[in-house]
Amino acid sequence: MELDLITVAIVFGAIFLVELPDKTFIATLVLATRFRPLFVWIGVVLAFLVQTVVAVTVGGLLAQLPKRPVEIFAAGMFLLGGILLLRGAGKADEEEQETEEEFAHKGPASAVGLKAIAVSFSVLFLAEWGDLSQLLTASMVLRFHQPLSVFLGAFLALATVSALGAIIGRALLTRVRLSTIRRFGGGVCLLLALLSVLQIAGVLGA
């Protein structure tokens, strides 16, 4: 499988903007206030690794189906993602507090080392199933037909978001509103939906 750095960059940017205002970012932030941030980040990254492998595998399997229905499905997923992000942008800041309260007491506060990693892994692993970023990662495989590039871009984006959440999450949220990030993410998804539609219509090359 070939590695396309342009695809990696596109996927990284899209998944980064989708995941940054997501509840998993807040969950990582909260866990990092309870356990050592490095242990939290390791646990979260391992959870994201598994989730990304699953998403790319699903996308690869769907890509084996007839081309036109798959292209329409991918365009629909991007459109749905954009709509959900834009509709939820107004409530993002309110949901931030609710999410912090939800994850404030996950796992024993005394957990250290492997226990802290295990708690962080389990919390994020369960929270991420069916998440928008996972669905969009699978759709990216259908859009670009480059599983390795999509995997690398998506995983690096998720690892970066979790690092920001664990290390400077609180400071970041005092400077950037989650609602603004969601609007950017929604715009990116709508752009990908438009590009996919143009490709289906034959305006753009495959």
Protein backbone atom coordinates (compact mmCIF):
# COMPACT_ATOMS: atom_id res chain seq x y z
CA MET A 1 0.00 0.00 0.00
CA GLU A 2 1.28 3.42 -0.97
CA LEU A 3 1.50 6.38 1.39
CA ASP A 4 0.15 9.67 0.03
CA LEU A 5 1.18 12.60 2.24
CA ILE A 6 -1.50 14.87 0.76
CA THR A 7 -4.20 12.39 1.77
CA VAL A 8 -2.60 12.06 5.20
CA ALA A 9 -2.71 15.85 5.61
CA ILE A 10 -6.34 16.14 4.45
CA VAL A 11 -7.49 13.34 6.74
CA PHE A 12 -5.47 14.73 9.64
CA GLY A 13 -7.03 18.18 9.28
CA ALA A 14 -10.59 16.89 8.95
CA ILE A 15 -10.44 14.42 11.84
CA PHE A 16 -8.61 16.94 14.03
CA LEU A 17 -11.38 19.53 13.57
CA VAL A 18 -14.08 16.91 14.14
CA GLU A 19 -12.51 15.37 17.25
CA LEU A 20 -11.27 18.53 19.02
CA PRO A 21 -14.76 19.71 20.05
CA ASP A 22 -15.88 16.14 20.78
CA LYS A 23 -16.62 14.74 24.22
CA THR A 24 -13.54 12.51 24.06
CA PHE A 25 -11.33 15.62 24.18
CA ILE A 26 -13.11 16.77 27.34
CA ALA A 27 -12.92 13.27 28.80
CA THR A 28 -9.15 13.23 28.25
CA LEU A 29 -8.86 16.64 29.88
CA VAL A 30 -10.81 15.48 32.94
CA LEU A 31 -8.87 12.22 33.28
CA ALA A 32 -5.61 14.18 33.12
CA THR A 33 -6.69 16.15 36.20
CA ARG A 34 -7.13 12.90 38.11
CA PHE A 35 -4.20 10.81 36.87
CA ARG A 36 -0.75 11.55 35.54
CA PRO A 37 -1.25 13.11 32.06
CA LEU A 38 1.31 10.82 30.40
CA PHE A 39 -0.51 7.70 31.59
CA VAL A 40 -3.83 9.16 30.44
CA TRP A 41 -2.42 9.94 27.02
CA ILE A 42 -0.97 6.44 26.59
CA GLY A 43 -4.29 4.83 27.50
CA VAL A 44 -6.29 7.14 25.25
CA VAL A 45 -3.92 6.70 22.30
CA LEU A 46 -4.12 2.91 22.60
CA ALA A 47 -7.92 3.16 22.54
CA PHE A 48 -7.76 5.41 19.48
CA LEU A 49 -5.34 2.99 17.80
CA VAL A 50 -7.84 0.13 18.08
CA GLN A 51 -10.75 2.32 17.01
CA THR A 52 -8.87 3.62 13.97
CA VAL A 53 -7.87 0.12 12.87
CA VAL A 54 -11.52 -0.94 13.11
CA ALA A 55 -12.75 2.13 11.19
CA VAL A 56 -10.21 1.70 8.39
CA THR A 57 -10.95 -2.04 8.18
CA VAL A 58 -14.69 -1.37 7.87
CA GLY A 59 -14.00 1.28 5.24
CA GLY A 60 -11.81 -1.17 3.33
CA LEU A 61 -14.53 -3.83 3.38
CA LEU A 62 -17.18 -1.36 2.20
CA ALA A 63 -14.86 -0.26 -0.60
CA GLN A 64 -15.18 -3.76 -2.08
CA LEU A 65 -18.87 -3.11 -2.79
CA PRO A 66 -20.09 -1.63 -6.11
CA LYS A 67 -18.43 1.74 -6.70
CA ARG A 68 -21.41 4.07 -7.19
CA PRO A 69 -23.41 3.07 -4.08
CA VAL A 70 -20.21 3.32 -2.02
CA GLU A 71 -19.49 6.82 -3.35
CA ILE A 72 -23.04 7.92 -2.56
CA PHE A 73 -22.76 6.45 0.94
CA ALA A 74 -19.49 8.30 1.58
CA ALA A 75 -20.96 11.59 0.36
CA GLY A 76 -23.98 11.02 2.60
CA MET A 77 -21.77 10.40 5.63
CA PHE A 78 -19.81 13.60 5.05
CA LEU A 79 -23.06 15.53 4.61
CA LEU A 80 -24.52 14.02 7.78
CA GLY A 81 -21.35 14.79 9.72
CA GLY A 82 -21.38 18.40 8.58
CA ILE A 83 -25.03 18.86 9.51
CA LEU A 84 -24.58 17.27 12.94
CA LEU A 85 -21.55 19.42 13.74
CA LEU A 86 -23.19 22.65 12.61
CA ARG A 87 -26.46 21.88 14.40
CA GLY A 88 -24.62 21.00 17.59
CA ALA A 89 -22.27 24.00 17.51
CA GLY A 90 -24.61 26.23 19.50
CA LYS A 91 -24.79 23.69 22.33
CA ALA A 92 -21.09 22.79 22.36
CA ASP A 93 -20.09 25.05 25.23
CA GLU A 94 -23.01 23.85 27.36
CA GLU A 95 -22.21 20.21 26.61
CA GLU A 96 -18.61 20.84 27.69
CA GLN A 97 -19.69 21.24 31.33
CA GLU A 98 -22.04 18.24 31.14
CA THR A 99 -19.25 16.05 29.75
CA GLU A 100 -16.83 17.16 32.47
CA GLU A 101 -19.36 16.14 35.11
CA GLU A 102 -19.98 12.82 33.33
CA PHE A 103 -16.33 11.79 33.38
CA ALA A 104 -15.29 13.43 36.65
CA HIS A 105 -15.64 10.22 38.66
CA LYS A 106 -14.65 7.54 36.16
CA GLY A 107 -12.25 5.07 37.74
CA PRO A 108 -10.51 5.24 41.14
CA ALA A 109 -8.74 8.54 41.74
CA SER A 110 -5.78 6.65 43.24
CA ALA A 111 -5.01 4.76 40.02
CA VAL A 112 -1.39 5.05 38.91
CA GLY A 113 0.84 3.44 36.28
CA LEU A 114 -0.79 0.60 34.40
CA LYS A 115 -4.05 1.09 36.32
CA ALA A 116 -4.31 4.71 35.16
CA ILE A 117 -3.54 3.62 31.59
CA ALA A 118 -6.17 0.87 31.79
CA VAL A 119 -8.83 3.24 33.17
CA SER A 120 -8.09 5.82 30.47
CA PHE A 121 -8.14 3.15 27.76
CA SER A 122 -11.45 1.68 28.90
CA VAL A 123 -13.19 5.05 29.32
CA LEU A 124 -12.21 6.34 25.87
CA PHE A 125 -12.60 2.96 24.16
CA LEU A 126 -16.23 2.74 25.24
CA ALA A 127 -16.94 6.42 24.57
CA GLU A 128 -15.57 6.32 21.01
CA TRP A 129 -17.64 3.48 19.54
CA GLY A 130 -19.83 4.85 16.76
CA ASP A 131 -18.30 8.28 17.24
CA LEU A 132 -18.48 10.73 14.34
CA SER A 133 -14.70 10.67 13.84
CA GLN A 134 -14.79 6.87 13.52
CA LEU A 135 -17.57 7.00 10.93
CA LEU A 136 -15.78 9.73 8.99
CA THR A 137 -12.52 7.74 9.04
CA ALA A 138 -14.30 4.83 7.36
CA SER A 139 -15.81 7.27 4.86
CA MET A 140 -12.35 8.70 4.14
CA VAL A 141 -11.23 5.23 3.04
CA LEU A 142 -14.14 5.17 0.60
CA ARG A 143 -13.33 8.68 -0.61
CA PHE A 144 -9.58 8.32 -1.16
CA HIS A 145 -9.11 4.53 -1.54
CA GLN A 146 -5.86 4.74 0.44
CA PRO A 147 -6.32 2.85 3.73
CA LEU A 148 -2.74 3.33 4.96
CA SER A 149 -2.77 7.09 4.36
CA VAL A 150 -6.21 7.44 5.96
CA PHE A 151 -5.13 5.37 8.96
CA LEU A 152 -1.99 7.43 9.51
CA GLY A 153 -3.77 10.77 9.11
CA ALA A 154 -6.68 9.81 11.38
CA PHE A 155 -4.52 8.23 14.07
CA LEU A 156 -2.09 11.15 14.18
CA ALA A 157 -5.01 13.56 14.44
CA LEU A 158 -6.56 11.61 17.33
CA ALA A 159 -3.20 11.28 19.08
CA THR A 160 -2.62 15.02 18.73
CA VAL A 161 -6.06 15.91 20.05
CA SER A 162 -5.62 13.62 23.04
CA ALA A 163 -2.18 15.14 23.75
CA LEU A 164 -3.69 18.62 23.70
CA GLY A 165 -6.46 17.47 26.02
CA ALA A 166 -4.07 15.85 28.48
CA ILE A 167 -1.48 18.62 28.55
CA ILE A 168 -3.06 22.01 27.78
CA GLY A 169 -6.76 21.22 27.51
CA ARG A 170 -7.94 23.67 30.12
CA ALA A 171 -5.77 26.51 28.85
CA LEU A 172 -6.87 25.83 25.26
CA LEU A 173 -10.54 26.05 26.15
CA THR A 174 -10.03 29.50 27.69
CA ARG A 175 -8.83 30.74 24.29
CA VAL A 176 -10.89 28.80 21.75
CA ARG A 177 -14.62 28.07 21.99
CA LEU A 178 -15.73 24.54 21.17
CA SER A 179 -18.68 25.96 19.22
CA THR A 180 -16.27 27.73 16.84
CA ILE A 181 -14.24 24.56 16.29
CA ARG A 182 -17.40 22.59 15.58
CA ARG A 183 -18.43 25.09 12.93
CA PHE A 184 -15.03 24.73 11.23
CA GLY A 185 -15.32 20.94 11.40
CA GLY A 186 -18.83 21.07 9.98
CA GLY A 187 -17.63 23.22 7.11
CA VAL A 188 -14.86 20.76 6.29
CA CYS A 189 -17.34 17.86 6.24
CA LEU A 190 -19.69 19.76 3.93
CA LEU A 191 -16.77 20.55 1.62
CA LEU A 192 -15.86 16.85 1.47
CA ALA A 193 -19.51 16.03 0.75
CA LEU A 194 -19.52 18.56 -2.11
CA LEU A 195 -16.29 17.16 -3.57
CA SER A 196 -17.72 13.65 -3.36
CA VAL A 197 -20.90 14.72 -5.17
CA LEU A 198 -18.86 16.42 -7.89
CA GLN A 199 -16.82 13.24 -8.29
CA ILE A 200 -20.00 11.15 -8.59
CA ALA A 201 -21.29 13.59 -11.22
CA GLY A 202 -18.07 13.23 -13.17
CA VAL A 203 -17.01 16.84 -12.68
CA LEU A 204 -13.93 15.73 -10.73
CA GLY A 205 -11.68 12.79 -11.45
CA ALA A 206 -11.65 9.81 -9.13
